Amino acid sequence: MASKFKVGQRVRQILPAPQEGVVKMLKFDETTGNLSVLFDMVSTDADGVETTIETVFLEDQVELVPEV
């Protein structure tokens, strides 16, 4: 199954306040037929401390971030 994403591309979750990060891995679930997109998201707290969070969404829940 072909994905619309490639490892290393920047994606964001499709929401009013999307999460954004860089694709680390694509995973096909043979049981459900779903393709998952694994990416790292950087979150900054009120003190300015950054934390990297590994996030997984289904392929249809994220979109490419336009290159500037």
Protein backbone atom coordinates (compact mmCIF):
# COMPACT_ATOMS: atom_id res chain seq x y z
CA MET A 1 0.00 0.00 0.00
CA ALA A 2 1.42 3.39 -0.96
CA SER A 3 1.37 6.27 1.51
CA LYS A 4 0.89 9.91 0.64
CA PHE A 5 3.73 10.68 3.10
CA LYS A 6 7.44 9.91 3.15
CA VAL A 7 9.73 9.48 6.16
CA GLY A 8 11.31 12.88 6.92
CA GLN A 9 8.36 14.99 5.66
CA ARG A 10 6.77 17.49 8.05
CA VAL A 11 3.08 16.79 8.82
CA ARG A 12 0.39 18.19 11.12
CA GLN A 13 -2.78 16.81 12.61
CA ILE A 14 -5.94 18.03 10.90
CA LEU A 15 -7.61 20.04 13.71
CA PRO A 16 -8.29 23.68 14.62
CA ALA A 17 -5.12 23.60 16.82
CA PRO A 18 -3.01 20.93 15.09
CA GLN A 19 -0.04 19.08 16.48
CA GLU A 20 2.97 19.25 14.17
CA GLY A 21 6.17 17.24 13.77
CA VAL A 22 8.45 15.27 11.43
CA VAL A 23 7.48 11.78 10.21
CA LYS A 24 9.66 9.08 11.79
CA MET A 25 7.87 5.95 10.61
CA LEU A 26 4.87 4.68 8.66
CA LYS A 27 3.18 1.51 9.92
CA PHE A 28 0.60 -0.64 8.14
CA ASP A 29 -1.82 -2.60 10.36
CA GLU A 30 -2.68 -5.82 8.52
CA THR A 31 -5.69 -6.45 10.80
CA THR A 32 -7.48 -3.14 10.18
CA GLY A 33 -5.86 -2.10 6.88
CA ASN A 34 -5.00 1.29 8.41
CA LEU A 35 -1.75 3.14 7.84
CA SER A 36 -0.38 4.99 10.89
CA VAL A 37 2.03 7.94 10.84
CA LEU A 38 4.51 8.17 13.75
CA PHE A 39 6.10 11.57 14.35
CA ASP A 40 7.89 13.57 17.04
CA MET A 41 6.14 16.68 18.32
CA VAL A 42 7.95 19.33 20.37
CA SER A 43 5.90 20.85 23.20
CA THR A 44 7.03 23.97 25.12
CA ASP A 45 5.74 24.56 28.65
CA ALA A 46 5.12 27.92 30.38
CA ASP A 47 8.77 28.04 31.54
CA GLY A 48 10.05 27.60 27.98
CA VAL A 49 11.20 24.01 28.56
CA GLU A 50 10.84 21.88 25.42
CA THR A 51 9.76 18.25 25.58
CA THR A 52 9.68 15.86 22.60
CA ILE A 53 6.57 13.69 22.48
CA GLU A 54 6.22 10.71 20.14
CA THR A 55 2.78 10.86 18.51
CA VAL A 56 0.85 8.43 16.28
CA PHE A 57 -2.15 9.25 14.08
CA LEU A 58 -3.94 7.50 11.24
CA GLU A 59 -2.84 8.71 7.82
CA ASP A 60 -6.16 10.49 7.13
CA GLN A 61 -5.83 12.50 10.37
CA VAL A 62 -2.70 14.41 9.26
CA GLU A 63 -1.72 16.57 6.30
CA LEU A 64 1.55 17.86 4.84
CA VAL A 65 2.82 21.16 6.20
CA PRO A 66 3.45 23.54 3.26
CA GLU A 67 7.12 24.40 2.76
CA VAL A 68 7.84 28.08 3.24
